[in-house]
Amino acid sequence: MKKMLPYAIVSVLLVGIGLLFFVLVFSYVKMQKSTSSDLIPAKVGGARVEEIVRDVSRHMLLPSETPDVYEVGDVSQLAGQPFFRIAENGDVVLLYLGAKKAILFRPSTDRIIDVSFLELVATPSATPSATPSASP
C-alpha cells in the first residue's frame, strides 16, 4: 500500500496538469478567435458588388474605383467599434481604399447608415488593413 501511494500522487498530478494545459490552450484559442483582426467575415463578390454599388450610387457620389464589399454577418462581433454602433446583420460595408472612405449601407431599407474616413494601418505582415475612423 505504501509503495503505491507515490505512484497515485504522481498520476493525479499528471492528470491535473494535463487538464490545466487543455483548459489554457482552449481558452487561448477561443480568445484569439474573438479578437481576430477580421472586421467582417463575409466578402461579397461578383454581380452582387455591382448591384450594391448601383444602389448606393443613387444616394451619393461614389469614388471611381471598385470597392471591397463586405457583409455584416454577426454584429455582436463588432461591438465597441463606433462605425458599427447602429449596424445590423445583413448591412454591407463598401471600402474605397484609394479614396480612404468606408460606407455602411443597409440594403433592406435602401439607406446609407454611416460614412467614415479610413485609417490605413500597417500590420506586421506588411499588408495594410483598413479601419473606419469615427465620423467627423
Protein backbone atom coordinates (compact mmCIF):
# COMPACT_ATOMS: atom_id res chain seq x y z
CA MET A 1 0.00 0.00 0.00
CA LYS A 2 2.72 2.47 0.95
CA LYS A 3 4.62 1.59 -2.25
CA MET A 4 1.64 2.61 -4.41
CA LEU A 5 0.98 5.97 -2.71
CA PRO A 6 3.75 7.90 -4.56
CA TYR A 7 2.54 6.49 -7.91
CA ALA A 8 -1.03 7.56 -7.16
CA ILE A 9 0.08 11.08 -6.21
CA VAL A 10 2.17 11.41 -9.37
CA SER A 11 -0.72 10.09 -11.50
CA VAL A 12 -3.17 12.57 -10.00
CA LEU A 13 -0.70 15.43 -10.51
CA LEU A 14 -0.10 14.47 -14.15
CA VAL A 15 -3.83 14.27 -14.88
CA GLY A 16 -4.36 17.66 -13.18
CA ILE A 17 -1.54 19.28 -15.15
CA GLY A 18 -2.92 17.79 -18.37
CA LEU A 19 -6.40 19.17 -17.68
CA LEU A 20 -4.98 22.58 -16.79
CA PHE A 21 -2.96 22.62 -20.02
CA PHE A 22 -6.06 21.68 -22.04
CA VAL A 23 -8.13 24.46 -20.44
CA LEU A 24 -5.38 27.04 -21.06
CA VAL A 25 -5.00 26.05 -24.72
CA PHE A 26 -8.77 26.04 -25.24
CA SER A 27 -9.11 29.50 -23.64
CA TYR A 28 -6.25 30.90 -25.71
CA VAL A 29 -7.74 29.62 -28.99
CA LYS A 30 -11.17 31.00 -28.08
CA MET A 31 -9.65 34.39 -27.19
CA GLN A 32 -7.72 34.53 -30.48
CA LYS A 33 -10.90 33.89 -32.45
CA SER A 34 -12.78 36.63 -30.60
CA THR A 35 -10.01 39.22 -31.12
CA SER A 36 -9.44 38.40 -34.76
CA SER A 37 -8.42 41.32 -36.95
CA ASP A 38 -11.12 40.45 -39.50
CA LEU A 39 -13.84 43.03 -39.11
CA ILE A 40 -16.39 41.38 -41.29
CA PRO A 41 -16.09 37.72 -42.25
CA ALA A 42 -18.08 37.50 -45.49
CA LYS A 43 -16.67 39.27 -48.54
CA VAL A 44 -19.20 39.95 -51.27
CA GLY A 45 -18.20 39.43 -54.88
CA GLY A 46 -19.36 39.34 -58.47
CA ALA A 47 -22.67 40.74 -59.62
CA ARG A 48 -23.76 41.47 -56.05
CA VAL A 49 -21.00 44.09 -55.74
CA GLU A 50 -22.23 45.82 -58.88
CA GLU A 51 -25.79 45.77 -57.56
CA ILE A 52 -24.78 47.24 -54.19
CA VAL A 53 -22.62 49.94 -55.83
CA ARG A 54 -25.52 50.83 -58.13
CA ASP A 55 -27.90 51.09 -55.15
CA VAL A 56 -25.53 53.24 -53.07
CA SER A 57 -24.69 55.48 -56.05
CA ARG A 58 -28.35 56.58 -56.17
CA HIS A 59 -27.81 58.22 -52.78
CA MET A 60 -24.33 59.72 -53.08
CA LEU A 61 -21.46 60.33 -55.46
CA LEU A 62 -19.02 57.42 -55.17
CA PRO A 63 -15.28 57.29 -55.89
CA SER A 64 -14.38 55.98 -59.35
CA GLU A 65 -12.62 52.87 -58.00
CA THR A 66 -14.14 49.44 -57.39
CA PRO A 67 -14.74 48.94 -53.66
CA ASP A 68 -14.14 45.92 -51.47
CA VAL A 69 -17.60 44.96 -50.21
CA TYR A 70 -18.23 43.00 -47.02
CA GLU A 71 -21.44 41.85 -45.39
CA VAL A 72 -22.03 42.13 -41.65
CA GLY A 73 -22.72 38.57 -40.56
CA ASP A 74 -22.67 38.88 -36.76
CA VAL A 75 -22.97 42.44 -35.49
CA SER A 76 -22.14 41.31 -31.92
CA GLN A 77 -18.53 40.70 -33.03
CA LEU A 78 -18.26 44.39 -33.92
CA ALA A 79 -19.39 45.73 -30.55
CA GLY A 80 -17.29 48.63 -29.32
CA GLN A 81 -16.43 49.89 -32.79
CA PRO A 82 -18.06 53.29 -33.31
CA PHE A 83 -18.54 52.87 -37.05
CA PHE A 84 -20.72 49.79 -36.44
CA ARG A 85 -22.67 51.13 -33.43
CA ILE A 86 -26.02 51.02 -35.26
CA ALA A 87 -25.17 48.30 -37.77
CA GLU A 88 -27.44 45.30 -38.21
CA ASN A 89 -26.85 41.84 -39.58
CA GLY A 90 -27.13 42.00 -43.37
CA ASP A 91 -25.70 45.52 -43.69
CA VAL A 92 -22.82 45.90 -46.12
CA VAL A 93 -19.61 47.91 -45.92
CA LEU A 94 -18.06 49.41 -49.04
CA LEU A 95 -14.34 50.09 -48.56
CA TYR A 96 -12.76 52.51 -51.01
CA LEU A 97 -9.08 52.15 -50.13
CA GLY A 98 -7.83 54.71 -52.68
CA ALA A 99 -10.31 57.35 -51.53
CA LYS A 100 -9.89 56.23 -47.88
CA LYS A 101 -13.65 56.04 -47.42
CA ALA A 102 -15.96 53.50 -45.77
CA ILE A 103 -19.71 53.40 -46.35
CA LEU A 104 -22.14 51.39 -44.24
CA PHE A 105 -25.25 50.58 -46.30
CA ARG A 106 -28.45 48.77 -45.34
CA PRO A 107 -29.88 47.01 -48.43
CA SER A 108 -33.11 46.02 -46.65
CA THR A 109 -34.15 49.68 -46.33
CA ASP A 110 -32.05 51.08 -49.20
CA ARG A 111 -30.36 53.57 -46.84
CA ILE A 112 -26.82 54.71 -46.17
CA ILE A 113 -26.28 54.29 -42.42
CA ASP A 114 -22.84 55.86 -41.98
CA VAL A 115 -19.89 57.21 -43.94
CA SER A 116 -16.40 57.44 -42.49
CA PHE A 117 -12.78 58.04 -43.44
CA LEU A 118 -10.41 55.09 -43.41
CA GLU A 119 -7.20 54.97 -41.44
CA LEU A 120 -4.79 52.60 -43.16
CA VAL A 121 -2.83 50.70 -40.53
CA ALA A 122 0.28 48.69 -41.41
CA THR A 123 0.28 45.20 -39.93
CA PRO A 124 3.38 43.09 -39.15
CA SER A 125 2.76 41.05 -42.31
CA ALA A 126 3.22 44.26 -44.34
CA THR A 127 -0.37 44.03 -45.59
CA PRO A 128 -2.37 47.16 -44.83
CA SER A 129 -5.70 46.77 -43.09
CA ALA A 130 -8.49 49.30 -43.23
CA THR A 131 -10.18 50.54 -40.09
CA PRO A 132 -13.06 53.00 -40.25
CA SER A 133 -12.41 56.04 -38.05
CA ALA A 134 -15.07 57.94 -36.23
CA SER A 135 -17.21 60.11 -38.47
CA PRO A 136 -16.44 63.84 -38.26
